[in-house]
N, C-alpha and C. Protein backbone atom coordinates (compact mmCIF):
# COMPACT_ATOMS: atom_id res chain seq x y z
N MET A 1 0.73 -1.03 0.09
CA MET A 1 -0.02 0.07 0.03
C MET A 1 0.93 1.20 -0.12
N PRO A 2 0.86 2.12 -1.02
CA PRO A 2 1.51 3.19 -1.04
C PRO A 2 1.22 4.48 -0.44
N LEU A 3 1.08 4.38 1.10
CA LEU A 3 0.98 5.73 1.79
C LEU A 3 2.30 6.36 1.61
N TYR A 4 2.42 7.39 0.94
CA TYR A 4 3.61 8.15 0.58
C TYR A 4 4.21 8.96 1.56
N LYS A 5 3.29 9.47 2.42
CA LYS A 5 4.00 10.37 3.49
C LYS A 5 2.81 10.80 4.47
N THR A 6 3.18 10.84 5.78
CA THR A 6 2.31 11.37 6.73
C THR A 6 2.89 12.56 7.59
N ILE A 7 2.24 13.37 7.68
CA ILE A 7 2.75 14.80 8.27
C ILE A 7 1.86 15.27 9.46
N ALA A 8 2.56 15.05 10.73
CA ALA A 8 2.01 15.45 11.86
C ALA A 8 2.08 17.04 12.06
N VAL A 9 1.10 17.56 11.39
CA VAL A 9 1.15 19.17 11.44
C VAL A 9 1.29 19.62 12.96
N ASN A 10 0.50 19.31 13.76
CA ASN A 10 0.46 19.38 15.20
C ASN A 10 -0.38 18.53 15.86
N ALA A 11 -0.55 18.70 17.02
CA ALA A 11 -1.41 17.96 18.14
C ALA A 11 -2.74 17.36 17.67
N THR A 12 -3.34 18.37 16.87
CA THR A 12 -4.58 18.22 16.35
C THR A 12 -4.89 18.20 14.83
N THR A 13 -3.91 17.89 14.09
CA THR A 13 -3.89 18.03 12.78
C THR A 13 -2.79 17.19 12.16
N THR A 14 -3.31 16.26 11.00
CA THR A 14 -2.44 15.30 10.36
C THR A 14 -2.82 15.27 8.88
N ILE A 15 -1.84 15.11 8.18
CA ILE A 15 -2.06 14.96 6.83
C ILE A 15 -1.47 13.62 6.25
N TRP A 16 -2.21 12.74 5.32
CA TRP A 16 -1.91 11.68 4.73
C TRP A 16 -1.85 11.89 3.28
N ILE A 17 -0.71 11.38 2.59
CA ILE A 17 -0.51 11.57 1.34
C ILE A 17 -0.32 10.04 0.61
N TRP A 18 -1.01 9.87 -0.39
CA TRP A 18 -1.06 8.45 -1.08
C TRP A 18 -0.42 8.72 -2.55
N LYS A 19 0.37 7.78 -2.88
CA LYS A 19 0.79 7.67 -4.47
C LYS A 19 -0.01 6.60 -5.01
N ILE A 20 -0.85 7.12 -6.08
CA ILE A 20 -1.80 6.01 -6.74
C ILE A 20 -1.04 5.26 -7.59
N GLU A 21 -0.64 4.03 -7.23
CA GLU A 21 -0.19 3.07 -8.09
C GLU A 21 -0.99 1.78 -8.40
N GLU A 22 -1.75 1.58 -7.53
CA GLU A 22 -2.50 0.21 -7.61
C GLU A 22 -3.64 0.31 -8.77
N SER A 23 -4.14 -0.75 -9.14
CA SER A 23 -5.42 -0.95 -9.75
C SER A 23 -6.73 -0.36 -9.22
N TYR A 24 -7.72 -0.24 -9.84
CA TYR A 24 -9.05 0.11 -9.45
C TYR A 24 -9.42 -0.95 -8.31
N GLU A 25 -9.19 -2.41 -8.81
CA GLU A 25 -9.70 -3.37 -8.07
C GLU A 25 -8.83 -3.50 -6.65
N ASP A 26 -7.65 -3.38 -6.90
CA ASP A 26 -6.71 -3.45 -5.58
C ASP A 26 -7.24 -2.21 -4.67
N LEU A 27 -7.68 -0.88 -5.22
CA LEU A 27 -8.05 0.08 -4.27
C LEU A 27 -9.24 -0.28 -3.56
N LEU A 28 -9.94 -1.03 -4.24
CA LEU A 28 -11.52 -1.35 -3.57
C LEU A 28 -11.41 -2.24 -2.31
N LEU A 29 -10.11 -2.87 -2.12
CA LEU A 29 -9.94 -3.89 -1.06
C LEU A 29 -10.06 -3.24 0.37
N ASP A 30 -10.76 -3.79 1.23
CA ASP A 30 -10.75 -3.46 2.64
C ASP A 30 -11.11 -2.01 2.97
N ILE A 31 -12.02 -1.38 2.04
CA ILE A 31 -12.38 -0.06 2.35
C ILE A 31 -13.93 0.05 2.68
N ASN A 32 -14.75 -1.06 2.35
CA ASN A 32 -15.97 -1.04 2.76
C ASN A 32 -16.83 0.25 2.17
N PRO A 33 -17.03 0.27 0.98
CA PRO A 33 -17.57 1.46 0.17
C PRO A 33 -18.99 1.41 0.29
N THR A 34 -19.54 2.61 0.56
CA THR A 34 -21.00 2.68 0.76
C THR A 34 -21.61 2.51 -0.67
N GLU A 35 -22.92 2.32 -0.81
CA GLU A 35 -23.64 2.29 -2.03
C GLU A 35 -23.58 3.72 -2.72
N LYS A 36 -23.56 4.73 -2.05
CA LYS A 36 -23.39 6.04 -2.68
C LYS A 36 -21.98 6.29 -3.24
N CYS A 37 -20.99 5.77 -2.40
CA CYS A 37 -19.59 5.79 -2.93
C CYS A 37 -19.43 5.18 -4.30
N MET A 38 -20.19 3.87 -4.31
CA MET A 38 -19.99 3.21 -5.67
C MET A 38 -20.77 3.84 -6.72
N GLN A 39 -21.71 4.40 -6.48
CA GLN A 39 -22.47 5.17 -7.55
C GLN A 39 -21.77 6.25 -7.94
N ARG A 40 -21.09 7.07 -6.97
CA ARG A 40 -20.36 8.11 -7.41
C ARG A 40 -18.99 7.63 -8.31
N VAL A 41 -18.42 6.58 -7.96
CA VAL A 41 -17.19 6.33 -8.61
C VAL A 41 -17.59 5.65 -10.04
N SER A 42 -18.60 5.09 -10.11
CA SER A 42 -19.05 4.47 -11.35
C SER A 42 -19.45 5.41 -12.26
N SER A 43 -19.88 6.62 -11.89
CA SER A 43 -20.14 7.88 -12.79
C SER A 43 -18.99 8.33 -13.31
N MET A 44 -17.66 8.19 -12.81
CA MET A 44 -16.67 8.90 -13.31
C MET A 44 -16.08 8.34 -14.55
N LYS A 45 -15.99 9.01 -15.55
CA LYS A 45 -15.27 8.47 -16.86
C LYS A 45 -13.96 8.09 -16.89
N SER A 46 -13.11 8.95 -15.89
CA SER A 46 -11.56 8.78 -16.07
C SER A 46 -11.07 7.64 -14.98
N ASP A 47 -10.13 6.79 -15.62
CA ASP A 47 -9.69 5.91 -14.51
C ASP A 47 -9.04 6.30 -13.43
N ILE A 48 -8.16 7.50 -13.79
CA ILE A 48 -7.25 8.05 -12.63
C ILE A 48 -8.17 8.86 -11.77
N HIS A 49 -9.31 9.24 -12.27
CA HIS A 49 -10.29 10.07 -11.30
C HIS A 49 -11.00 8.99 -10.21
N ARG A 50 -11.31 7.73 -11.02
CA ARG A 50 -11.91 6.65 -9.94
C ARG A 50 -10.76 6.15 -9.17
N ARG A 51 -9.63 5.93 -9.54
CA ARG A 51 -8.46 5.56 -8.53
C ARG A 51 -8.34 6.69 -7.68
N GLY A 52 -8.33 7.99 -7.89
CA GLY A 52 -7.96 8.85 -7.03
C GLY A 52 -9.10 8.85 -5.97
N PHE A 53 -10.46 8.80 -6.37
CA PHE A 53 -11.50 8.84 -5.44
C PHE A 53 -11.42 7.50 -4.32
N LEU A 54 -11.01 6.53 -5.00
CA LEU A 54 -10.65 5.23 -3.81
C LEU A 54 -9.41 5.44 -3.05
N SER A 55 -8.52 6.03 -3.59
CA SER A 55 -7.30 6.17 -2.76
C SER A 55 -7.65 7.14 -1.47
N VAL A 56 -8.60 8.10 -1.66
CA VAL A 56 -8.99 8.81 -0.53
C VAL A 56 -9.76 8.18 0.49
N ARG A 57 -10.51 7.05 -0.10
CA ARG A 57 -10.97 6.04 0.99
C ARG A 57 -10.02 5.16 1.64
N GLN A 58 -8.95 4.91 1.02
CA GLN A 58 -7.77 4.17 1.61
C GLN A 58 -7.12 5.08 2.49
N LEU A 59 -6.93 6.34 2.41
CA LEU A 59 -6.34 7.29 3.36
C LEU A 59 -7.22 7.46 4.32
N LEU A 60 -8.56 7.32 4.32
CA LEU A 60 -9.33 7.56 5.33
C LEU A 60 -9.19 6.29 6.43
N LYS A 61 -9.11 5.12 5.79
CA LYS A 61 -8.70 3.85 6.53
C LYS A 61 -7.50 4.05 7.50
N PHE A 62 -6.64 4.70 6.98
CA PHE A 62 -5.22 4.96 7.59
C PHE A 62 -5.41 6.06 8.78
N ALA A 63 -6.49 6.89 8.51
CA ALA A 63 -6.69 7.87 9.55
C ALA A 63 -7.68 7.37 10.60
N GLY A 64 -7.99 5.96 10.58
CA GLY A 64 -9.06 5.52 11.43
C GLY A 64 -10.54 5.57 11.25
N TYR A 65 -10.73 5.87 9.74
CA TYR A 65 -12.37 6.15 9.66
C TYR A 65 -12.81 5.18 8.44
N GLU A 66 -13.80 4.76 8.51
CA GLU A 66 -14.54 3.93 7.53
C GLU A 66 -15.25 4.95 6.34
N ALA A 67 -15.42 4.46 5.37
CA ALA A 67 -15.74 5.27 4.13
C ALA A 67 -17.12 6.03 4.65
N LYS A 68 -18.04 5.28 5.18
CA LYS A 68 -19.21 5.88 5.56
C LYS A 68 -19.07 7.08 6.86
N ALA A 69 -18.07 7.15 7.14
CA ALA A 69 -17.74 8.33 8.11
C ALA A 69 -17.66 9.78 7.36
N LEU A 70 -17.51 9.50 6.02
CA LEU A 70 -17.58 10.79 4.96
C LEU A 70 -18.70 11.25 4.59
N PHE A 71 -19.03 12.48 4.58
CA PHE A 71 -20.30 12.77 3.86
C PHE A 71 -20.21 14.28 3.13
N TYR A 72 -20.84 14.69 2.18
CA TYR A 72 -20.66 15.86 1.64
C TYR A 72 -22.03 16.72 1.77
N ASP A 73 -21.70 17.93 1.92
CA ASP A 73 -22.89 18.92 2.14
C ASP A 73 -23.34 19.47 0.84
N GLU A 74 -24.32 20.20 0.68
CA GLU A 74 -25.03 20.64 -0.58
C GLU A 74 -24.18 21.32 -1.30
N TYR A 75 -22.92 21.88 -0.82
CA TYR A 75 -21.89 22.66 -1.66
C TYR A 75 -20.78 21.86 -2.08
N GLY A 76 -20.82 20.47 -1.83
CA GLY A 76 -19.63 19.58 -2.14
C GLY A 76 -18.58 19.76 -1.19
N LYS A 77 -18.82 20.28 -0.06
CA LYS A 77 -17.70 20.34 0.98
C LYS A 77 -17.66 18.96 1.81
N PRO A 78 -16.71 18.20 1.90
CA PRO A 78 -16.57 16.96 2.77
C PRO A 78 -16.62 17.24 4.26
N HIS A 79 -17.40 16.42 5.01
CA HIS A 79 -17.28 16.49 6.52
C HIS A 79 -17.22 15.09 7.16
N LEU A 80 -16.70 15.03 8.31
CA LEU A 80 -16.70 13.75 8.88
C LEU A 80 -17.86 13.61 10.02
N LYS A 81 -18.40 12.46 10.32
CA LYS A 81 -19.39 12.49 11.22
C LYS A 81 -19.36 12.62 12.66
N ASP A 82 -17.86 12.61 13.02
CA ASP A 82 -17.42 12.76 14.34
C ASP A 82 -17.25 14.14 14.63
N GLY A 83 -17.47 15.15 13.59
CA GLY A 83 -17.39 16.62 13.82
C GLY A 83 -15.75 17.11 13.46
N LYS A 84 -14.99 16.20 13.24
CA LYS A 84 -13.74 16.83 12.99
C LYS A 84 -13.68 17.44 11.41
N HIS A 85 -12.54 18.21 11.03
CA HIS A 85 -12.65 18.93 9.91
C HIS A 85 -11.64 18.12 8.94
N ILE A 86 -12.23 18.01 7.67
CA ILE A 86 -11.63 17.33 6.59
C ILE A 86 -11.40 18.08 5.40
N SER A 87 -10.34 17.78 4.61
CA SER A 87 -10.20 18.58 3.44
C SER A 87 -9.55 17.43 2.45
N ILE A 88 -9.89 17.40 1.00
CA ILE A 88 -9.50 16.23 0.35
C ILE A 88 -8.86 16.84 -0.89
N THR A 89 -7.90 16.19 -1.51
CA THR A 89 -7.26 16.54 -2.89
C THR A 89 -6.70 15.39 -3.54
N HIS A 90 -6.85 15.40 -4.78
CA HIS A 90 -6.02 14.49 -5.61
C HIS A 90 -5.85 15.00 -7.18
N SER A 91 -4.58 14.78 -7.53
CA SER A 91 -3.95 15.26 -8.73
C SER A 91 -3.18 14.27 -9.42
N PHE A 92 -3.61 13.69 -10.60
CA PHE A 92 -2.79 12.78 -11.16
C PHE A 92 -2.48 11.44 -10.33
N GLU A 93 -1.24 11.22 -9.95
CA GLU A 93 -0.89 9.94 -9.12
C GLU A 93 -0.82 10.19 -7.68
N PHE A 94 -1.23 11.45 -7.13
CA PHE A 94 -1.24 11.74 -5.83
C PHE A 94 -2.51 12.21 -5.21
N SER A 95 -2.94 11.74 -3.89
CA SER A 95 -4.06 12.26 -3.42
C SER A 95 -3.58 12.22 -1.99
N ALA A 96 -4.35 13.32 -1.35
CA ALA A 96 -4.22 13.51 0.29
C ALA A 96 -5.30 13.91 0.87
N ILE A 97 -5.45 13.62 2.34
CA ILE A 97 -6.38 14.26 3.06
C ILE A 97 -5.94 14.97 4.44
N ILE A 98 -6.39 16.05 4.86
CA ILE A 98 -5.92 16.57 6.12
C ILE A 98 -7.20 16.55 7.00
N ILE A 99 -6.83 16.21 8.26
CA ILE A 99 -7.84 16.02 9.18
C ILE A 99 -7.47 16.86 10.40
N SER A 100 -8.58 17.57 11.16
CA SER A 100 -8.12 18.50 12.13
C SER A 100 -9.17 18.79 13.01
N ASP A 101 -8.80 19.27 14.21
CA ASP A 101 -10.02 19.92 15.16
C ASP A 101 -10.59 21.21 14.62
N TYR A 102 -9.74 21.80 13.79
CA TYR A 102 -10.02 23.25 13.27
C TYR A 102 -10.13 23.25 11.78
N PRO A 103 -10.92 24.21 11.14
CA PRO A 103 -11.07 24.25 9.73
C PRO A 103 -9.69 24.35 8.96
N VAL A 104 -9.69 23.55 8.04
CA VAL A 104 -8.39 23.28 7.10
C VAL A 104 -8.76 23.15 5.69
N GLY A 105 -7.87 23.48 4.89
CA GLY A 105 -7.82 23.21 3.43
C GLY A 105 -6.50 22.51 2.96
N ILE A 106 -6.68 21.79 1.88
CA ILE A 106 -5.52 21.32 1.30
C ILE A 106 -5.58 21.08 -0.28
N ASP A 107 -4.38 21.21 -0.90
CA ASP A 107 -4.41 20.92 -2.33
C ASP A 107 -3.12 20.43 -2.94
N ILE A 108 -3.28 19.64 -3.78
CA ILE A 108 -2.02 19.25 -4.55
C ILE A 108 -2.26 19.54 -5.97
N GLU A 109 -1.17 19.82 -6.65
CA GLU A 109 -1.19 19.98 -8.11
C GLU A 109 0.07 19.74 -8.67
N LYS A 110 -0.07 19.19 -10.05
CA LYS A 110 1.14 18.85 -10.55
C LYS A 110 1.80 20.11 -11.45
N GLN A 111 3.03 20.31 -11.06
CA GLN A 111 3.71 21.53 -11.72
C GLN A 111 3.77 21.45 -13.34
N ARG A 112 3.09 22.28 -14.03
CA ARG A 112 3.11 22.31 -15.48
C ARG A 112 3.12 23.55 -15.90
N GLU A 113 3.76 23.66 -17.41
CA GLU A 113 3.88 24.94 -18.07
C GLU A 113 2.68 25.66 -18.21
N LYS A 114 1.52 24.95 -18.33
CA LYS A 114 0.15 25.52 -18.74
C LYS A 114 -0.11 26.30 -17.70
N ILE A 115 0.21 26.31 -16.55
CA ILE A 115 -0.21 27.38 -15.41
C ILE A 115 0.13 28.67 -15.72
N THR A 116 1.21 29.08 -16.52
CA THR A 116 1.59 30.25 -16.87
C THR A 116 0.70 30.96 -17.80
N ILE A 117 0.06 30.02 -18.62
CA ILE A 117 -1.04 30.64 -19.48
C ILE A 117 -2.36 31.16 -18.80
N ILE A 118 -2.72 30.39 -17.72
CA ILE A 118 -3.91 30.87 -17.05
C ILE A 118 -3.59 31.62 -15.57
N ALA A 119 -2.32 32.23 -15.58
CA ALA A 119 -1.89 32.63 -14.20
C ALA A 119 -3.03 34.15 -14.13
N ASP A 120 -3.25 34.78 -15.02
CA ASP A 120 -3.96 35.91 -15.02
C ASP A 120 -5.50 35.85 -14.52
N LYS A 121 -5.77 34.54 -14.31
CA LYS A 121 -7.14 34.02 -14.05
C LYS A 121 -7.21 34.07 -12.34
N PHE A 122 -6.08 33.69 -11.88
CA PHE A 122 -6.03 33.53 -10.40
C PHE A 122 -4.91 34.45 -9.56
N VAL A 123 -4.19 35.23 -10.43
CA VAL A 123 -3.19 35.98 -9.74
C VAL A 123 -3.31 37.46 -10.06
N ASP A 124 -3.11 38.37 -9.01
CA ASP A 124 -3.33 39.80 -9.21
C ASP A 124 -2.05 40.28 -8.32
N TYR A 125 -2.19 40.55 -6.99
CA TYR A 125 -1.31 41.08 -6.16
C TYR A 125 0.00 40.33 -6.46
N GLU A 126 -0.16 39.14 -6.41
CA GLU A 126 1.27 38.21 -6.48
C GLU A 126 2.13 38.48 -7.86
N PHE A 127 1.39 39.08 -8.77
CA PHE A 127 2.39 39.42 -9.70
C PHE A 127 3.42 40.46 -9.47
N ASN A 128 3.18 41.18 -8.48
CA ASN A 128 4.32 42.20 -7.82
C ASN A 128 5.60 41.57 -7.48
N TYR A 129 5.67 40.37 -7.11
CA TYR A 129 6.93 39.59 -6.66
C TYR A 129 7.24 38.52 -7.65
N LEU A 130 6.43 38.12 -8.63
CA LEU A 130 6.87 36.90 -9.31
C LEU A 130 7.69 37.42 -10.53
N ASN A 131 8.80 36.69 -10.83
CA ASN A 131 9.49 36.80 -12.00
C ASN A 131 9.72 35.57 -12.86
N GLN A 132 10.49 35.38 -13.93
CA GLN A 132 10.67 34.19 -14.53
C GLN A 132 11.38 33.28 -13.83
N SER A 133 12.14 33.55 -12.81
CA SER A 133 12.88 32.46 -12.05
C SER A 133 11.84 31.61 -11.37
N GLU A 134 11.81 30.37 -11.54
CA GLU A 134 11.03 29.38 -10.89
C GLU A 134 9.59 29.79 -10.92
N LEU A 135 9.12 30.29 -12.09
CA LEU A 135 7.85 30.82 -12.23
C LEU A 135 6.79 29.65 -12.08
N VAL A 136 6.93 28.50 -12.86
CA VAL A 136 6.04 27.41 -12.80
C VAL A 136 5.75 26.95 -11.36
N ARG A 137 6.86 26.86 -10.57
CA ARG A 137 6.85 26.27 -9.34
C ARG A 137 6.17 27.33 -8.39
N LYS A 138 6.39 28.43 -8.44
CA LYS A 138 5.96 29.41 -7.57
C LYS A 138 4.32 29.53 -8.01
N LEU A 139 3.92 29.69 -9.29
CA LEU A 139 2.51 29.72 -9.51
C LEU A 139 1.84 28.60 -9.05
N THR A 140 2.39 27.40 -9.15
CA THR A 140 1.78 26.09 -8.48
C THR A 140 1.50 26.21 -6.96
N VAL A 141 2.46 26.70 -6.47
CA VAL A 141 2.40 27.04 -4.86
C VAL A 141 1.06 27.89 -4.58
N ILE A 142 1.21 28.98 -5.26
CA ILE A 142 0.14 30.10 -5.31
C ILE A 142 -1.21 29.46 -5.53
N TRP A 143 -1.39 28.50 -6.60
CA TRP A 143 -2.68 27.92 -6.97
C TRP A 143 -3.13 27.14 -5.76
N CYS A 144 -2.24 26.31 -5.29
CA CYS A 144 -2.44 25.46 -4.21
C CYS A 144 -2.79 26.14 -2.98
N ALA A 145 -2.14 27.31 -2.64
CA ALA A 145 -2.55 28.05 -1.61
C ALA A 145 -3.87 28.67 -1.57
N LYS A 146 -4.20 28.97 -2.78
CA LYS A 146 -5.56 29.64 -3.11
C LYS A 146 -6.69 28.61 -3.03
N GLU A 147 -6.49 27.53 -3.58
CA GLU A 147 -7.59 26.54 -3.68
C GLU A 147 -7.66 26.01 -2.25
N SER A 148 -6.72 25.80 -1.50
CA SER A 148 -6.70 25.50 0.00
C SER A 148 -7.62 26.52 0.77
N LEU A 149 -7.44 27.90 0.58
CA LEU A 149 -8.05 28.95 1.04
C LEU A 149 -9.52 28.69 0.75
N TYR A 150 -9.87 28.54 -0.42
CA TYR A 150 -11.16 28.36 -0.85
C TYR A 150 -11.88 27.25 -0.25
N LYS A 151 -11.16 25.96 -0.01
CA LYS A 151 -11.89 24.84 0.66
C LYS A 151 -12.04 25.16 2.01
N VAL A 152 -11.27 25.75 2.74
CA VAL A 152 -11.49 26.11 4.28
C VAL A 152 -12.53 27.10 4.40
N PHE A 153 -12.63 28.02 3.45
CA PHE A 153 -13.48 29.32 3.68
C PHE A 153 -15.04 28.80 3.19
N ALA A 154 -14.81 28.24 1.95
CA ALA A 154 -15.91 27.72 1.52
C ALA A 154 -17.37 28.57 1.25
N VAL A 155 -17.16 29.81 0.58
CA VAL A 155 -18.10 30.69 0.55
C VAL A 155 -18.53 30.83 -0.87
N HIS A 156 -19.64 30.58 -1.40
CA HIS A 156 -20.08 30.91 -2.92
C HIS A 156 -19.71 32.22 -3.27
N GLY A 157 -19.15 32.28 -4.50
CA GLY A 157 -18.96 33.80 -4.92
C GLY A 157 -17.43 34.25 -4.67
N MET A 158 -16.75 33.40 -3.92
CA MET A 158 -15.36 33.81 -3.59
C MET A 158 -14.37 33.70 -4.79
N SER A 159 -13.69 34.63 -5.20
CA SER A 159 -12.66 34.62 -6.32
C SER A 159 -11.30 34.64 -5.85
N PHE A 160 -10.63 33.60 -6.68
CA PHE A 160 -9.13 33.45 -6.13
C PHE A 160 -8.41 34.91 -6.50
N LYS A 161 -8.78 35.39 -7.50
CA LYS A 161 -7.94 36.53 -8.01
C LYS A 161 -8.24 37.87 -7.21
N GLU A 162 -9.57 37.99 -6.87
CA GLU A 162 -10.25 39.34 -6.36
C GLU A 162 -10.17 39.18 -4.76
N HIS A 163 -10.29 38.12 -4.11
CA HIS A 163 -10.48 38.05 -2.60
C HIS A 163 -9.32 37.40 -2.00
N THR A 164 -8.31 36.88 -2.52
CA THR A 164 -7.15 36.21 -1.83
C THR A 164 -5.80 36.93 -2.16
N LYS A 165 -4.98 36.83 -1.35
CA LYS A 165 -3.75 37.22 -1.30
C LYS A 165 -2.53 36.31 -0.76
N VAL A 166 -1.56 35.99 -1.60
CA VAL A 166 -0.52 35.19 -0.90
C VAL A 166 0.55 36.13 -0.97
N ILE A 167 1.28 36.15 0.35
CA ILE A 167 2.53 36.94 0.59
C ILE A 167 3.65 36.59 -0.08
N PRO A 168 4.74 37.29 -0.32
CA PRO A 168 5.98 36.84 -1.22
C PRO A 168 6.59 35.60 -0.31
N PHE A 169 7.14 34.71 -1.13
CA PHE A 169 7.76 33.49 -0.47
C PHE A 169 8.99 32.97 -1.30
N GLY A 170 9.77 32.29 -0.75
CA GLY A 170 10.73 31.62 -1.34
C GLY A 170 10.41 30.11 -1.42
N LEU A 171 11.02 29.40 -2.40
CA LEU A 171 10.68 27.84 -2.56
C LEU A 171 11.13 27.24 -1.49
N THR A 172 12.12 27.55 -0.91
CA THR A 172 12.96 26.94 0.35
C THR A 172 12.30 27.40 1.54
N ASP A 173 11.48 28.24 1.53
CA ASP A 173 10.86 28.77 2.94
C ASP A 173 9.90 27.70 3.56
N GLY A 174 9.28 26.87 2.65
CA GLY A 174 8.48 25.89 3.54
C GLY A 174 6.97 26.51 3.89
N GLU A 175 6.85 27.71 3.95
CA GLU A 175 5.57 28.19 4.46
C GLU A 175 5.40 29.77 4.01
N THR A 176 4.22 30.15 3.86
CA THR A 176 3.98 31.62 3.55
C THR A 176 2.79 31.99 4.43
N ALA A 177 2.12 33.01 3.95
CA ALA A 177 0.87 33.36 4.67
C ALA A 177 -0.22 33.90 3.61
N ALA A 178 -1.30 33.93 3.98
CA ALA A 178 -2.34 34.40 2.82
C ALA A 178 -3.37 34.90 3.63
N TRP A 179 -4.18 35.87 2.84
CA TRP A 179 -5.49 36.53 3.39
C TRP A 179 -6.54 36.35 2.45
N ILE A 180 -7.60 36.26 3.17
CA ILE A 180 -9.00 36.23 2.40
C ILE A 180 -9.65 37.50 2.63
N HIS A 181 -10.10 38.29 1.76
CA HIS A 181 -10.86 39.61 2.02
C HIS A 181 -12.14 39.43 1.06
N PHE A 182 -13.25 39.10 1.86
CA PHE A 182 -14.46 38.86 1.16
C PHE A 182 -15.76 39.46 1.90
N LYS A 183 -16.28 40.38 1.06
CA LYS A 183 -17.50 41.00 1.71
C LYS A 183 -17.22 41.66 3.06
N GLY A 184 -16.18 42.30 3.32
CA GLY A 184 -15.93 42.88 4.55
C GLY A 184 -15.41 42.14 5.71
N GLU A 185 -15.17 40.73 5.20
CA GLU A 185 -14.65 39.95 6.14
C GLU A 185 -13.00 39.70 5.77
N VAL A 186 -12.38 39.83 6.75
CA VAL A 186 -10.75 39.55 6.64
C VAL A 186 -10.34 38.46 7.47
N GLN A 187 -9.64 37.43 6.70
CA GLN A 187 -9.28 36.35 7.64
C GLN A 187 -7.80 36.07 7.01
N LYS A 188 -6.91 35.75 8.08
CA LYS A 188 -5.53 35.34 7.74
C LYS A 188 -5.13 33.70 7.95
N TYR A 189 -4.35 33.31 7.16
CA TYR A 189 -3.97 31.95 7.30
C TYR A 189 -2.54 31.80 7.11
N ARG A 190 -2.04 30.71 7.88
CA ARG A 190 -0.76 30.09 7.55
C ARG A 190 -0.86 29.19 6.47
N ILE A 191 0.24 29.22 5.55
CA ILE A 191 0.23 28.43 4.23
C ILE A 191 1.55 27.57 4.16
N PRO A 192 1.71 26.55 4.99
CA PRO A 192 2.94 25.69 4.81
C PRO A 192 2.84 24.99 3.43
N PHE A 193 3.78 24.67 2.97
CA PHE A 193 3.90 23.94 1.59
C PHE A 193 5.14 23.02 1.35
N LEU A 194 4.92 22.12 0.56
CA LEU A 194 5.98 21.19 0.17
C LEU A 194 5.97 20.98 -1.28
N GLU A 195 7.18 20.28 -1.95
CA GLU A 195 7.21 19.75 -3.18
C GLU A 195 7.84 18.40 -3.19
N PHE A 196 7.27 17.72 -4.23
CA PHE A 196 7.83 16.28 -4.29
C PHE A 196 7.43 15.69 -5.59
N GLU A 197 8.43 15.03 -6.31
CA GLU A 197 8.17 14.36 -7.66
C GLU A 197 7.34 15.25 -8.59
N GLY A 198 7.72 16.64 -8.70
CA GLY A 198 7.10 17.36 -9.71
C GLY A 198 5.69 17.90 -9.25
N PHE A 199 5.28 17.76 -8.04
CA PHE A 199 4.20 18.22 -7.69
C PHE A 199 4.41 19.23 -6.52
N SER A 200 3.35 19.97 -6.39
CA SER A 200 3.32 21.06 -5.19
C SER A 200 2.17 20.60 -4.38
N CYS A 201 2.35 20.93 -3.08
CA CYS A 201 1.06 20.66 -1.91
C CYS A 201 1.11 21.80 -1.02
N ALA A 202 0.22 22.52 -0.81
CA ALA A 202 -0.25 23.44 0.19
C ALA A 202 -1.36 23.28 1.07
N TYR A 203 -1.35 23.64 2.36
CA TYR A 203 -2.63 23.62 3.09
C TYR A 203 -2.65 24.78 3.95
N ALA A 204 -4.02 25.16 4.31
CA ALA A 204 -4.24 26.45 4.94
C ALA A 204 -4.74 26.09 6.31
N LEU A 205 -3.96 26.74 7.40
CA LEU A 205 -4.48 26.59 8.80
C LEU A 205 -4.96 27.83 9.24
N ARG A 206 -5.95 27.78 9.90
CA ARG A 206 -6.65 29.14 10.44
C ARG A 206 -6.25 29.19 12.15
N ASN A 207 -6.19 28.26 12.76
CA ASN A 207 -6.13 28.26 14.07
C ASN A 207 -4.82 28.58 14.81
N GLU A 208 -3.78 28.61 13.98
CA GLU A 208 -2.40 28.85 14.60
C GLU A 208 -1.95 30.34 14.19
N VAL A 209 -2.68 31.15 13.55
CA VAL A 209 -2.31 32.35 12.94
C VAL A 209 -1.39 33.26 14.18
N LYS A 210 -0.26 33.78 13.78
CA LYS A 210 0.38 34.69 14.40
C LYS A 210 0.61 35.83 13.87
N ASN A 211 0.23 36.97 14.42
CA ASN A 211 0.28 38.24 13.75
C ASN A 211 1.63 38.82 13.93
């Protein structure tokens, strides 16, 4: 079972990352999928999406949960029945979950040149400190940070470009900070990040903000 990495963020928050190498059939083993799970996975046209979906259920098992402990609200946000907070991500051959006592968000993205083409759709303030050096990697971290913010804030109508800001960072820093400014509300988040095998991962933490 390719549990790729476990990150103990703090006493109440843990991340599990999976490298998806198994077949669809192997990923079904020992996860006791619900009928709704199977209906959802059967509706997916892409094999990598189906395996990504099942790998998340394998990660839940490592975290001590059965598949039935996870449910989604009307906005598609995942929740755990015991009240803990969860965020989910998968991109190509990697998936991850973060579980915490506090609201959290996580995202993994593959580092690809195409992100430079769509940068103006999610970057505004950040253009002030971006340059051609390590551009793809930095843009991917920014995207992951903003996606994580969106997942934790989960308010309809929030725009990556208009309502979020990621402060300047270096790729060796391992952490940055970001803000959400939305309809008069201002929230600040810690954004730790890491890179592995051509992928970027960032996660948003609200409970440990230090001014």
